[in-house]
Amino acid sequence: MPKMPFFSVIIPTYNRADLLKKTIDSVLEQEFSDFELIVINDGSTDHTKDVVDAFGDKRIRYFFQENGERGKARNRGSKEARGKYVFFLDSDDLIYPNHLQV
């Protein structure tokens, strides 16, 4: 059985493919690396999946669901989370490289 990550970073997103890359980059550049990144695509009609797939990082888990708004996407992310702690990050936000460390 694989080791459980310390953090599950959950990003719900809807039609923000053009902003999502920078958000994911800010997570992947963390100094503290014991995390998984869960992207919940809440029914986007843009190229969100392509943006996520382009990373090819095994820490990223991608899920698509029919549009149900941010709350439903966050709930889905919580259900999929494997980490000890959950951190929600909006798909148009960035975090400092020491965010999870601190």
PDB file of N, CA and C in Angstrom:
ATOM      1  N   MET A   1       0.841  -1.180   0.000  1.00  0.00           N
ATOM      2  CA  MET A   1       0.000   0.000   0.000  1.00  0.00           C
ATOM      3  C   MET A   1       0.890   1.249   0.000  1.00  0.00           C
ATOM      4  N   PRO A   2       0.605   2.235  -0.885  1.00  0.00           N
ATOM      5  CA  PRO A   2       1.455   3.425  -0.961  1.00  0.00           C
ATOM      6  C   PRO A   2       1.320   4.294   0.293  1.00  0.00           C
ATOM      7  N   LYS A   3       2.385   5.014   0.582  1.00  0.00           N
ATOM      8  CA  LYS A   3       2.408   5.919   1.728  1.00  0.00           C
ATOM      9  C   LYS A   3       1.383   7.037   1.530  1.00  0.00           C
ATOM     10  N   MET A   4       0.670   7.384   2.599  1.00  0.00           N
ATOM     11  CA  MET A   4      -0.311   8.456   2.554  1.00  0.00           C
ATOM     12  C   MET A   4       0.411   9.803   2.562  1.00  0.00           C
ATOM     13  N   PRO A   5       0.001  10.742   1.717  1.00  0.00           N
ATOM     14  CA  PRO A   5       0.632  12.068   1.734  1.00  0.00           C
ATOM     15  C   PRO A   5       0.199  12.839   2.985  1.00  0.00           C
ATOM     16  N   PHE A   6       1.000  13.796   3.390  1.00  0.00           N
ATOM     17  CA  PHE A   6       0.683  14.622   4.541  1.00  0.00           C
ATOM     18  C   PHE A   6      -0.446  15.598   4.194  1.00  0.00           C
ATOM     19  N   PHE A   7      -0.348  16.228   3.015  1.00  0.00           N
ATOM     20  CA  PHE A   7      -1.367  17.170   2.555  1.00  0.00           C
ATOM     21  C   PHE A   7      -2.057  16.669   1.295  1.00  0.00           C
ATOM     22  N   SER A   8      -3.343  16.953   1.201  1.00  0.00           N
ATOM     23  CA  SER A   8      -4.081  16.841  -0.061  1.00  0.00           C
ATOM     24  C   SER A   8      -4.464  18.257  -0.445  1.00  0.00           C
ATOM     25  N   VAL A   9      -3.875  18.749  -1.513  1.00  0.00           N
ATOM     26  CA  VAL A   9      -4.203  20.078  -2.023  1.00  0.00           C
ATOM     27  C   VAL A   9      -5.296  19.881  -3.067  1.00  0.00           C
ATOM     28  N   ILE A  10      -6.438  20.516  -2.848  1.00  0.00           N
ATOM     29  CA  ILE A  10      -7.592  20.328  -3.719  1.00  0.00           C
ATOM     30  C   ILE A  10      -7.882  21.621  -4.462  1.00  0.00           C
ATOM     31  N   ILE A  11      -7.886  21.514  -5.795  1.00  0.00           N
ATOM     32  CA  ILE A  11      -8.192  22.665  -6.642  1.00  0.00           C
ATOM     33  C   ILE A  11      -9.458  22.375  -7.429  1.00  0.00           C
ATOM     34  N   PRO A  12     -10.588  22.992  -7.040  1.00  0.00           N
ATOM     35  CA  PRO A  12     -11.776  22.899  -7.878  1.00  0.00           C
ATOM     36  C   PRO A  12     -11.636  23.933  -9.003  1.00  0.00           C
ATOM     37  N   THR A  13     -12.033  23.572 -10.207  1.00  0.00           N
ATOM     38  CA  THR A  13     -11.881  24.521 -11.305  1.00  0.00           C
ATOM     39  C   THR A  13     -13.028  24.407 -12.291  1.00  0.00           C
ATOM     40  N   TYR A  14     -13.337  25.531 -12.910  1.00  0.00           N
ATOM     41  CA  TYR A  14     -14.370  25.582 -13.944  1.00  0.00           C
ATOM     42  C   TYR A  14     -13.957  26.619 -14.979  1.00  0.00           C
ATOM     43  N   ASN A  15     -13.617  26.160 -16.173  1.00  0.00           N
ATOM     44  CA  ASN A  15     -13.255  27.018 -17.303  1.00  0.00           C
ATOM     45  C   ASN A  15     -12.172  28.044 -16.953  1.00  0.00           C
ATOM     46  N   ARG A  16     -11.145  27.589 -16.284  1.00  0.00           N
ATOM     47  CA  ARG A  16     -10.019  28.469 -15.965  1.00  0.00           C
ATOM     48  C   ARG A  16      -8.701  27.880 -16.449  1.00  0.00           C
ATOM     49  N   ALA A  17      -8.740  27.200 -17.559  1.00  0.00           N
ATOM     50  CA  ALA A  17      -7.535  26.544 -18.072  1.00  0.00           C
ATOM     51  C   ALA A  17      -6.383  27.523 -18.237  1.00  0.00           C
ATOM     52  N   ASP A  18      -6.679  28.747 -18.647  1.00  0.00           N
ATOM     53  CA  ASP A  18      -5.608  29.716 -18.881  1.00  0.00           C
ATOM     54  C   ASP A  18      -4.955  30.200 -17.594  1.00  0.00           C
ATOM     55  N   LEU A  19      -5.610  30.050 -16.460  1.00  0.00           N
ATOM     56  CA  LEU A  19      -5.042  30.440 -15.169  1.00  0.00           C
ATOM     57  C   LEU A  19      -4.490  29.241 -14.403  1.00  0.00           C
ATOM     58  N   LEU A  20      -4.987  28.073 -14.702  1.00  0.00           N
ATOM     59  CA  LEU A  20      -4.705  26.876 -13.925  1.00  0.00           C
ATOM     60  C   LEU A  20      -3.234  26.472 -13.921  1.00  0.00           C
ATOM     61  N   LYS A  21      -2.532  26.653 -15.013  1.00  0.00           N
ATOM     62  CA  LYS A  21      -1.123  26.245 -15.083  1.00  0.00           C
ATOM     63  C   LYS A  21      -0.301  26.935 -14.006  1.00  0.00           C
ATOM     64  N   LYS A  22      -0.481  28.235 -13.844  1.00  0.00           N
ATOM     65  CA  LYS A  22       0.284  28.967 -12.823  1.00  0.00           C
ATOM     66  C   LYS A  22      -0.076  28.491 -11.417  1.00  0.00           C
ATOM     67  N   THR A  23      -1.344  28.184 -11.195  1.00  0.00           N
ATOM     68  CA  THR A  23      -1.775  27.698  -9.889  1.00  0.00           C
ATOM     69  C   THR A  23      -1.121  26.356  -9.584  1.00  0.00           C
ATOM     70  N   ILE A  24      -1.168  25.444 -10.546  1.00  0.00           N
ATOM     71  CA  ILE A  24      -0.536  24.129 -10.349  1.00  0.00           C
ATOM     72  C   ILE A  24       0.969  24.280 -10.169  1.00  0.00           C
ATOM     73  N   ASP A  25       1.599  25.137 -10.959  1.00  0.00           N
ATOM     74  CA  ASP A  25       3.038  25.380 -10.797  1.00  0.00           C
ATOM     75  C   ASP A  25       3.360  25.813  -9.372  1.00  0.00           C
ATOM     76  N   SER A  26       2.534  26.693  -8.806  1.00  0.00           N
ATOM     77  CA  SER A  26       2.816  27.181  -7.449  1.00  0.00           C
ATOM     78  C   SER A  26       2.727  26.063  -6.418  1.00  0.00           C
ATOM     79  N   VAL A  27       1.930  25.048  -6.680  1.00  0.00           N
ATOM     80  CA  VAL A  27       1.855  23.897  -5.776  1.00  0.00           C
ATOM     81  C   VAL A  27       3.056  22.978  -5.993  1.00  0.00           C
ATOM     82  N   LEU A  28       3.373  22.684  -7.230  1.00  0.00           N
ATOM     83  CA  LEU A  28       4.475  21.766  -7.522  1.00  0.00           C
ATOM     84  C   LEU A  28       5.835  22.326  -7.120  1.00  0.00           C
ATOM     85  N   GLU A  29       5.934  23.627  -6.953  1.00  0.00           N
ATOM     86  CA  GLU A  29       7.193  24.268  -6.558  1.00  0.00           C
ATOM     87  C   GLU A  29       7.345  24.384  -5.043  1.00  0.00           C
ATOM     88  N   GLN A  30       6.525  23.691  -4.284  1.00  0.00           N
ATOM     89  CA  GLN A  30       6.586  23.746  -2.823  1.00  0.00           C
ATOM     90  C   GLN A  30       7.885  23.149  -2.293  1.00  0.00           C
ATOM     91  N   GLU A  31       8.428  23.785  -1.262  1.00  0.00           N
ATOM     92  CA  GLU A  31       9.615  23.272  -0.580  1.00  0.00           C
ATOM     93  C   GLU A  31       9.282  21.982   0.182  1.00  0.00           C
ATOM     94  N   PHE A  32       8.075  21.896   0.697  1.00  0.00           N
ATOM     95  CA  PHE A  32       7.584  20.707   1.391  1.00  0.00           C
ATOM     96  C   PHE A  32       6.906  19.836   0.337  1.00  0.00           C
ATOM     97  N   SER A  33       7.412  18.644   0.114  1.00  0.00           N
ATOM     98  CA  SER A  33       6.959  17.876  -1.050  1.00  0.00           C
ATOM     99  C   SER A  33       6.040  16.694  -0.735  1.00  0.00           C
ATOM    100  N   ASP A  34       5.645  16.539   0.515  1.00  0.00           N
ATOM    101  CA  ASP A  34       4.802  15.402   0.883  1.00  0.00           C
ATOM    102  C   ASP A  34       3.319  15.770   0.711  1.00  0.00           C
ATOM    103  N   PHE A  35       2.894  15.816  -0.535  1.00  0.00           N
ATOM    104  CA  PHE A  35       1.516  16.187  -0.843  1.00  0.00           C
ATOM    105  C   PHE A  35       1.049  15.485  -2.107  1.00  0.00           C
ATOM    106  N   GLU A  36      -0.264  15.453  -2.245  1.00  0.00           N
ATOM    107  CA  GLU A  36      -0.879  15.082  -3.511  1.00  0.00           C
ATOM    108  C   GLU A  36      -1.669  16.307  -3.958  1.00  0.00           C
ATOM    109  N   LEU A  37      -1.865  16.430  -5.242  1.00  0.00           N
ATOM    110  CA  LEU A  37      -2.635  17.541  -5.794  1.00  0.00           C
ATOM    111  C   LEU A  37      -3.838  16.952  -6.513  1.00  0.00           C
ATOM    112  N   ILE A  38      -5.016  17.337  -6.070  1.00  0.00           N
ATOM    113  CA  ILE A  38      -6.257  16.844  -6.656  1.00  0.00           C
ATOM    114  C   ILE A  38      -6.927  17.993  -7.409  1.00  0.00           C
ATOM    115  N   VAL A  39      -7.114  17.814  -8.695  1.00  0.00           N
ATOM    116  CA  VAL A  39      -7.807  18.808  -9.510  1.00  0.00           C
ATOM    117  C   VAL A  39      -9.187  18.260  -9.834  1.00  0.00           C
ATOM    118  N   ILE A  40     -10.213  18.998  -9.422  1.00  0.00           N
ATOM    119  CA  ILE A  40     -11.590  18.614  -9.717  1.00  0.00           C
ATOM    120  C   ILE A  40     -12.106  19.542 -10.796  1.00  0.00           C
ATOM    121  N   ASN A  41     -12.285  19.001 -11.988  1.00  0.00           N
ATOM    122  CA  ASN A  41     -12.825  19.760 -13.108  1.00  0.00           C
ATOM    123  C   ASN A  41     -14.345  19.718 -12.999  1.00  0.00           C
ATOM    124  N   ASP A  42     -14.932  20.849 -12.669  1.00  0.00           N
ATOM    125  CA  ASP A  42     -16.364  20.946 -12.407  1.00  0.00           C
ATOM    126  C   ASP A  42     -17.149  21.260 -13.682  1.00  0.00           C
ATOM    127  N   GLY A  43     -16.963  20.414 -14.694  1.00  0.00           N
ATOM    128  CA  GLY A  43     -17.735  20.540 -15.928  1.00  0.00           C
ATOM    129  C   GLY A  43     -17.208  21.547 -16.929  1.00  0.00           C
ATOM    130  N   SER A  44     -15.918  21.842 -16.884  1.00  0.00           N
ATOM    131  CA  SER A  44     -15.346  22.819 -17.814  1.00  0.00           C
ATOM    132  C   SER A  44     -15.561  22.424 -19.265  1.00  0.00           C
ATOM    133  N   THR A  45     -15.689  23.436 -20.111  1.00  0.00           N
ATOM    134  CA  THR A  45     -15.822  23.213 -21.555  1.00  0.00           C
ATOM    135  C   THR A  45     -14.582  23.708 -22.297  1.00  0.00           C
ATOM    136  N   ASP A  46     -13.546  24.092 -21.553  1.00  0.00           N
ATOM    137  CA  ASP A  46     -12.306  24.546 -22.174  1.00  0.00           C
ATOM    138  C   ASP A  46     -11.282  23.399 -22.170  1.00  0.00           C
ATOM    139  N   HIS A  47     -10.021  23.713 -22.274  1.00  0.00           N
ATOM    140  CA  HIS A  47      -8.965  22.697 -22.363  1.00  0.00           C
ATOM    141  C   HIS A  47      -8.302  22.400 -21.008  1.00  0.00           C
ATOM    142  N   THR A  48      -9.081  22.403 -19.942  1.00  0.00           N
ATOM    143  CA  THR A  48      -8.572  22.151 -18.594  1.00  0.00           C
ATOM    144  C   THR A  48      -7.838  20.820 -18.498  1.00  0.00           C
ATOM    145  N   LYS A  49      -8.417  19.754 -19.014  1.00  0.00           N
ATOM    146  CA  LYS A  49      -7.784  18.427 -18.921  1.00  0.00           C
ATOM    147  C   LYS A  49      -6.420  18.426 -19.607  1.00  0.00           C
ATOM    148  N   ASP A  50      -6.314  19.074 -20.752  1.00  0.00           N
ATOM    149  CA  ASP A  50      -5.036  19.139 -21.466  1.00  0.00           C
ATOM    150  C   ASP A  50      -3.968  19.840 -20.629  1.00  0.00           C
ATOM    151  N   VAL A  51      -4.356  20.910 -19.933  1.00  0.00           N
ATOM    152  CA  VAL A  51      -3.415  21.644 -19.083  1.00  0.00           C
ATOM    153  C   VAL A  51      -2.897  20.731 -17.979  1.00  0.00           C
ATOM    154  N   VAL A  52      -3.796  20.014 -17.321  1.00  0.00           N
ATOM    155  CA  VAL A  52      -3.401  19.124 -16.224  1.00  0.00           C
ATOM    156  C   VAL A  52      -2.552  17.967 -16.748  1.00  0.00           C
ATOM    157  N   ASP A  53      -2.976  17.348 -17.833  1.00  0.00           N
ATOM    158  CA  ASP A  53      -2.245  16.202 -18.392  1.00  0.00           C
ATOM    159  C   ASP A  53      -0.823  16.573 -18.817  1.00  0.00           C
ATOM    160  N   ALA A  54      -0.621  17.815 -19.246  1.00  0.00           N
ATOM    161  CA  ALA A  54       0.691  18.250 -19.726  1.00  0.00           C
ATOM    162  C   ALA A  54       1.755  18.199 -18.627  1.00  0.00           C
ATOM    163  N   PHE A  55       1.356  18.248 -17.379  1.00  0.00           N
ATOM    164  CA  PHE A  55       2.331  18.198 -16.285  1.00  0.00           C
ATOM    165  C   PHE A  55       2.976  16.828 -16.153  1.00  0.00           C
ATOM    166  N   GLY A  56       2.216  15.764 -16.340  1.00  0.00           N
ATOM    167  CA  GLY A  56       2.778  14.418 -16.234  1.00  0.00           C
ATOM    168  C   GLY A  56       3.383  14.130 -14.867  1.00  0.00           C
ATOM    169  N   ASP A  57       2.852  14.731 -13.826  1.00  0.00           N
ATOM    170  CA  ASP A  57       3.382  14.551 -12.473  1.00  0.00           C
ATOM    171  C   ASP A  57       2.519  13.538 -11.736  1.00  0.00           C
ATOM    172  N   LYS A  58       3.140  12.523 -11.169  1.00  0.00           N
ATOM    173  CA  LYS A  58       2.398  11.448 -10.508  1.00  0.00           C
ATOM    174  C   LYS A  58       1.668  11.906  -9.247  1.00  0.00           C
ATOM    175  N   ARG A  59       2.024  13.080  -8.717  1.00  0.00           N
ATOM    176  CA  ARG A  59       1.334  13.596  -7.531  1.00  0.00           C
ATOM    177  C   ARG A  59      -0.016  14.226  -7.874  1.00  0.00           C
ATOM    178  N   ILE A  60      -0.258  14.453  -9.167  1.00  0.00           N
ATOM    179  CA  ILE A  60      -1.507  15.087  -9.583  1.00  0.00           C
ATOM    180  C   ILE A  60      -2.541  14.018  -9.912  1.00  0.00           C
ATOM    181  N   ARG A  61      -3.726  14.185  -9.315  1.00  0.00           N
ATOM    182  CA  ARG A  61      -4.870  13.314  -9.612  1.00  0.00           C
ATOM    183  C   ARG A  61      -5.976  14.207 -10.163  1.00  0.00           C
ATOM    184  N   TYR A  62      -6.524  13.812 -11.298  1.00  0.00           N
ATOM    185  CA  TYR A  62      -7.517  14.624 -12.012  1.00  0.00           C
ATOM    186  C   TYR A  62      -8.857  13.908 -12.037  1.00  0.00           C
ATOM    187  N   PHE A  63      -9.915  14.654 -11.751  1.00  0.00           N
ATOM    188  CA  PHE A  63     -11.266  14.111 -11.793  1.00  0.00           C
ATOM    189  C   PHE A  63     -12.182  15.091 -12.508  1.00  0.00           C
ATOM    190  N   PHE A  64     -13.061  14.558 -13.344  1.00  0.00           N
ATOM    191  CA  PHE A  64     -14.070  15.368 -14.023  1.00  0.00           C
ATOM    192  C   PHE A  64     -15.431  15.023 -13.439  1.00  0.00           C
ATOM    193  N   GLN A  65     -16.247  16.045 -13.274  1.00  0.00           N
ATOM    194  CA  GLN A  65     -17.637  15.829 -12.870  1.00  0.00           C
ATOM    195  C   GLN A  65     -18.505  16.849 -13.601  1.00  0.00           C
ATOM    196  N   GLU A  66     -19.772  16.533 -13.719  1.00  0.00           N
ATOM    197  CA  GLU A  66     -20.717  17.492 -14.283  1.00  0.00           C
ATOM    198  C   GLU A  66     -20.757  18.723 -13.383  1.00  0.00           C
ATOM    199  N   ASN A  67     -21.018  19.869 -13.976  1.00  0.00           N
ATOM    200  CA  ASN A  67     -21.006  21.121 -13.220  1.00  0.00           C
ATOM    201  C   ASN A  67     -21.992  21.084 -12.067  1.00  0.00           C
ATOM    202  N   GLY A  68     -21.477  21.350 -10.890  1.00  0.00           N
ATOM    203  CA  GLY A  68     -22.307  21.360  -9.688  1.00  0.00           C
ATOM    204  C   GLY A  68     -21.899  22.465  -8.736  1.00  0.00           C
ATOM    205  N   GLU A  69     -21.074  23.375  -9.225  1.00  0.00           N
ATOM    206  CA  GLU A  69     -20.573  24.506  -8.448  1.00  0.00           C
ATOM    207  C   GLU A  69     -19.429  24.096  -7.521  1.00  0.00           C
ATOM    208  N   ARG A  70     -18.775  25.112  -6.973  1.00  0.00           N
ATOM    209  CA  ARG A  70     -17.538  24.925  -6.210  1.00  0.00           C
ATOM    210  C   ARG A  70     -17.713  24.024  -4.986  1.00  0.00           C
ATOM    211  N   GLY A  71     -18.824  24.153  -4.275  1.00  0.00           N
ATOM    212  CA  GLY A  71     -19.040  23.332  -3.079  1.00  0.00           C
ATOM    213  C   GLY A  71     -19.052  21.853  -3.395  1.00  0.00           C
ATOM    214  N   LYS A  72     -19.737  21.485  -4.456  1.00  0.00           N
ATOM    215  CA  LYS A  72     -19.789  20.081  -4.854  1.00  0.00           C
ATOM    216  C   LYS A  72     -18.395  19.588  -5.265  1.00  0.00           C
ATOM    217  N   ALA A  73     -17.644  20.439  -5.967  1.00  0.00           N
ATOM    218  CA  ALA A  73     -16.291  20.068  -6.386  1.00  0.00           C
ATOM    219  C   ALA A  73     -15.375  19.894  -5.175  1.00  0.00           C
ATOM    220  N   ARG A  74     -15.512  20.758  -4.190  1.00  0.00           N
ATOM    221  CA  ARG A  74     -14.708  20.619  -2.972  1.00  0.00           C
ATOM    222  C   ARG A  74     -15.075  19.341  -2.226  1.00  0.00           C
ATOM    223  N   ASN A  75     -16.354  19.037  -2.161  1.00  0.00           N
ATOM    224  CA  ASN A  75     -16.779  17.793  -1.509  1.00  0.00           C
ATOM    225  C   ASN A  75     -16.195  16.584  -2.222  1.00  0.00           C
ATOM    226  N   ARG A  76     -16.206  16.604  -3.540  1.00  0.00           N
ATOM    227  CA  ARG A  76     -15.626  15.498  -4.311  1.00  0.00           C
ATOM    228  C   ARG A  76     -14.137  15.367  -4.013  1.00  0.00           C
ATOM    229  N   GLY A  77     -13.456  16.514  -3.980  1.00  0.00           N
ATOM    230  CA  GLY A  77     -12.032  16.485  -3.663  1.00  0.00           C
ATOM    231  C   GLY A  77     -11.761  15.907  -2.287  1.00  0.00           C
ATOM    232  N   SER A  78     -12.600  16.265  -1.321  1.00  0.00           N
ATOM    233  CA  SER A  78     -12.446  15.729   0.039  1.00  0.00           C
ATOM    234  C   SER A  78     -12.623  14.220   0.064  1.00  0.00           C
ATOM    235  N   LYS A  79     -13.576  13.726  -0.710  1.00  0.00           N
ATOM    236  CA  LYS A  79     -13.804  12.276  -0.772  1.00  0.00           C
ATOM    237  C   LYS A  79     -12.628  11.542  -1.402  1.00  0.00           C
ATOM    238  N   GLU A  80     -11.983  12.174  -2.372  1.00  0.00           N
ATOM    239  CA  GLU A  80     -10.854  11.549  -3.073  1.00  0.00           C
ATOM    240  C   GLU A  80      -9.536  11.699  -2.313  1.00  0.00           C
ATOM    241  N   ALA A  81      -9.483  12.615  -1.357  1.00  0.00           N
ATOM    242  CA  ALA A  81      -8.237  12.938  -0.650  1.00  0.00           C
ATOM    243  C   ALA A  81      -7.711  11.753   0.153  1.00  0.00           C
ATOM    244  N   ARG A  82      -6.398  11.609   0.137  1.00  0.00           N
ATOM    245  CA  ARG A  82      -5.714  10.567   0.890  1.00  0.00           C
ATOM    246  C   ARG A  82      -4.828  11.146   1.994  1.00  0.00           C
ATOM    247  N   GLY A  83      -4.670  12.461   1.999  1.00  0.00           N
ATOM    248  CA  GLY A  83      -3.761  13.103   2.940  1.00  0.00           C
ATOM    249  C   GLY A  83      -4.312  13.208   4.346  1.00  0.00           C
ATOM    250  N   LYS A  84      -3.403  13.467   5.264  1.00  0.00           N
ATOM    251  CA  LYS A  84      -3.784  13.665   6.659  1.00  0.00           C
ATOM    252  C   LYS A  84      -4.540  14.994   6.801  1.00  0.00           C
ATOM    253  N   TYR A  85      -4.108  16.001   6.052  1.00  0.00           N
ATOM    254  CA  TYR A  85      -4.732  17.322   6.068  1.00  0.00           C
ATOM    255  C   TYR A  85      -5.152  17.713   4.663  1.00  0.00           C
ATOM    256  N   VAL A  86      -6.227  18.496   4.581  1.00  0.00           N
ATOM    257  CA  VAL A  86      -6.759  18.955   3.304  1.00  0.00           C
ATOM    258  C   VAL A  86      -6.581  20.461   3.210  1.00  0.00           C
ATOM    259  N   PHE A  87      -6.136  20.920   2.046  1.00  0.00           N
ATOM    260  CA  PHE A  87      -5.957  22.348   1.786  1.00  0.00           C
ATOM    261  C   PHE A  87      -6.672  22.676   0.473  1.00  0.00           C
ATOM    262  N   PHE A  88      -7.635  23.588   0.528  1.00  0.00           N
ATOM    263  CA  PHE A  88      -8.355  24.010  -0.673  1.00  0.00           C
ATOM    264  C   PHE A  88      -7.663  25.229  -1.272  1.00  0.00           C
ATOM    265  N   LEU A  89      -7.489  25.196  -2.582  1.00  0.00           N
ATOM    266  CA  LEU A  89      -6.855  26.288  -3.305  1.00  0.00           C
ATOM    267  C   LEU A  89      -7.698  26.606  -4.530  1.00  0.00           C
ATOM    268  N   ASP A  90      -8.111  27.858  -4.670  1.00  0.00           N
ATOM    269  CA  ASP A  90      -8.887  28.242  -5.846  1.00  0.00           C
ATOM    270  C   ASP A  90      -8.002  28.215  -7.081  1.00  0.00           C
ATOM    271  N   SER A  91      -8.603  27.947  -8.219  1.00  0.00           N
ATOM    272  CA  SER A  91      -7.843  27.740  -9.459  1.00  0.00           C
ATOM    273  C   SER A  91      -7.262  29.018 -10.046  1.00  0.00           C
ATOM    274  N   ASP A  92      -7.515  30.155  -9.431  1.00  0.00           N
ATOM    275  CA  ASP A  92      -6.902  31.403  -9.885  1.00  0.00           C
ATOM    276  C   ASP A  92      -5.991  32.001  -8.817  1.00  0.00           C
ATOM    277  N   ASP A  93      -5.616  31.196  -7.819  1.00  0.00           N
ATOM    278  CA  ASP A  93      -4.744  31.658  -6.742  1.00  0.00           C
ATOM    279  C   ASP A  93      -3.368  31.018  -6.854  1.00  0.00           C
ATOM    280  N   LEU A  94      -2.401  31.664  -6.222  1.00  0.00           N
ATOM    281  CA  LEU A  94      -1.030  31.157  -6.160  1.00  0.00           C
ATOM    282  C   LEU A  94      -0.619  31.074  -4.700  1.00  0.00           C
ATOM    283  N   ILE A  95       0.297  30.165  -4.385  1.00  0.00           N
ATOM    284  CA  ILE A  95       0.840  30.090  -3.035  1.00  0.00           C
ATOM    285  C   ILE A  95       2.357  30.232  -3.095  1.00  0.00           C
ATOM    286  N   TYR A  96       2.913  30.778  -2.015  1.00  0.00           N
ATOM    287  CA  TYR A  96       4.375  30.928  -1.920  1.00  0.00           C
ATOM    288  C   TYR A  96       5.021  29.550  -1.799  1.00  0.00           C
ATOM    289  N   PRO A  97       6.279  29.429  -2.236  1.00  0.00           N
ATOM    290  CA  PRO A  97       6.957  28.126  -2.183  1.00  0.00           C
ATOM    291  C   PRO A  97       7.062  27.518  -0.782  1.00  0.00           C
ATOM    292  N   ASN A  98       6.959  28.321   0.259  1.00  0.00           N
ATOM    293  CA  ASN A  98       7.061  27.791   1.621  1.00  0.00           C
ATOM    294  C   ASN A  98       5.696  27.606   2.278  1.00  0.00           C
ATOM    295  N   HIS A  99       4.619  27.739   1.534  1.00  0.00           N
ATOM    296  CA  HIS A  99       3.268  27.705   2.107  1.00  0.00           C
ATOM    297  C   HIS A  99       2.998  26.417   2.892  1.00  0.00           C
ATOM    298  N   LEU A 100       3.225  25.272   2.310  1.00  0.00           N
ATOM    299  CA  LEU A 100       2.956  24.008   3.003  1.00  0.00           C
ATOM    300  C   LEU A 100       3.979  23.762   4.117  1.00  0.00           C
ATOM    301  N   GLN A 101       5.176  24.214   3.946  1.00  0.00           N
ATOM    302  CA  GLN A 101       6.229  24.047   4.961  1.00  0.00           C
ATOM    303  C   GLN A 101       5.855  24.787   6.243  1.00  0.00           C
ATOM    304  N   VAL A 102       5.374  26.007   6.081  1.00  0.00           N
ATOM    305  CA  VAL A 102       5.031  26.837   7.240  1.00  0.00           C
ATOM    306  C   VAL A 102       3.747  26.340   7.855  1.00  0.00           C
TER     307      VAL A 102
END
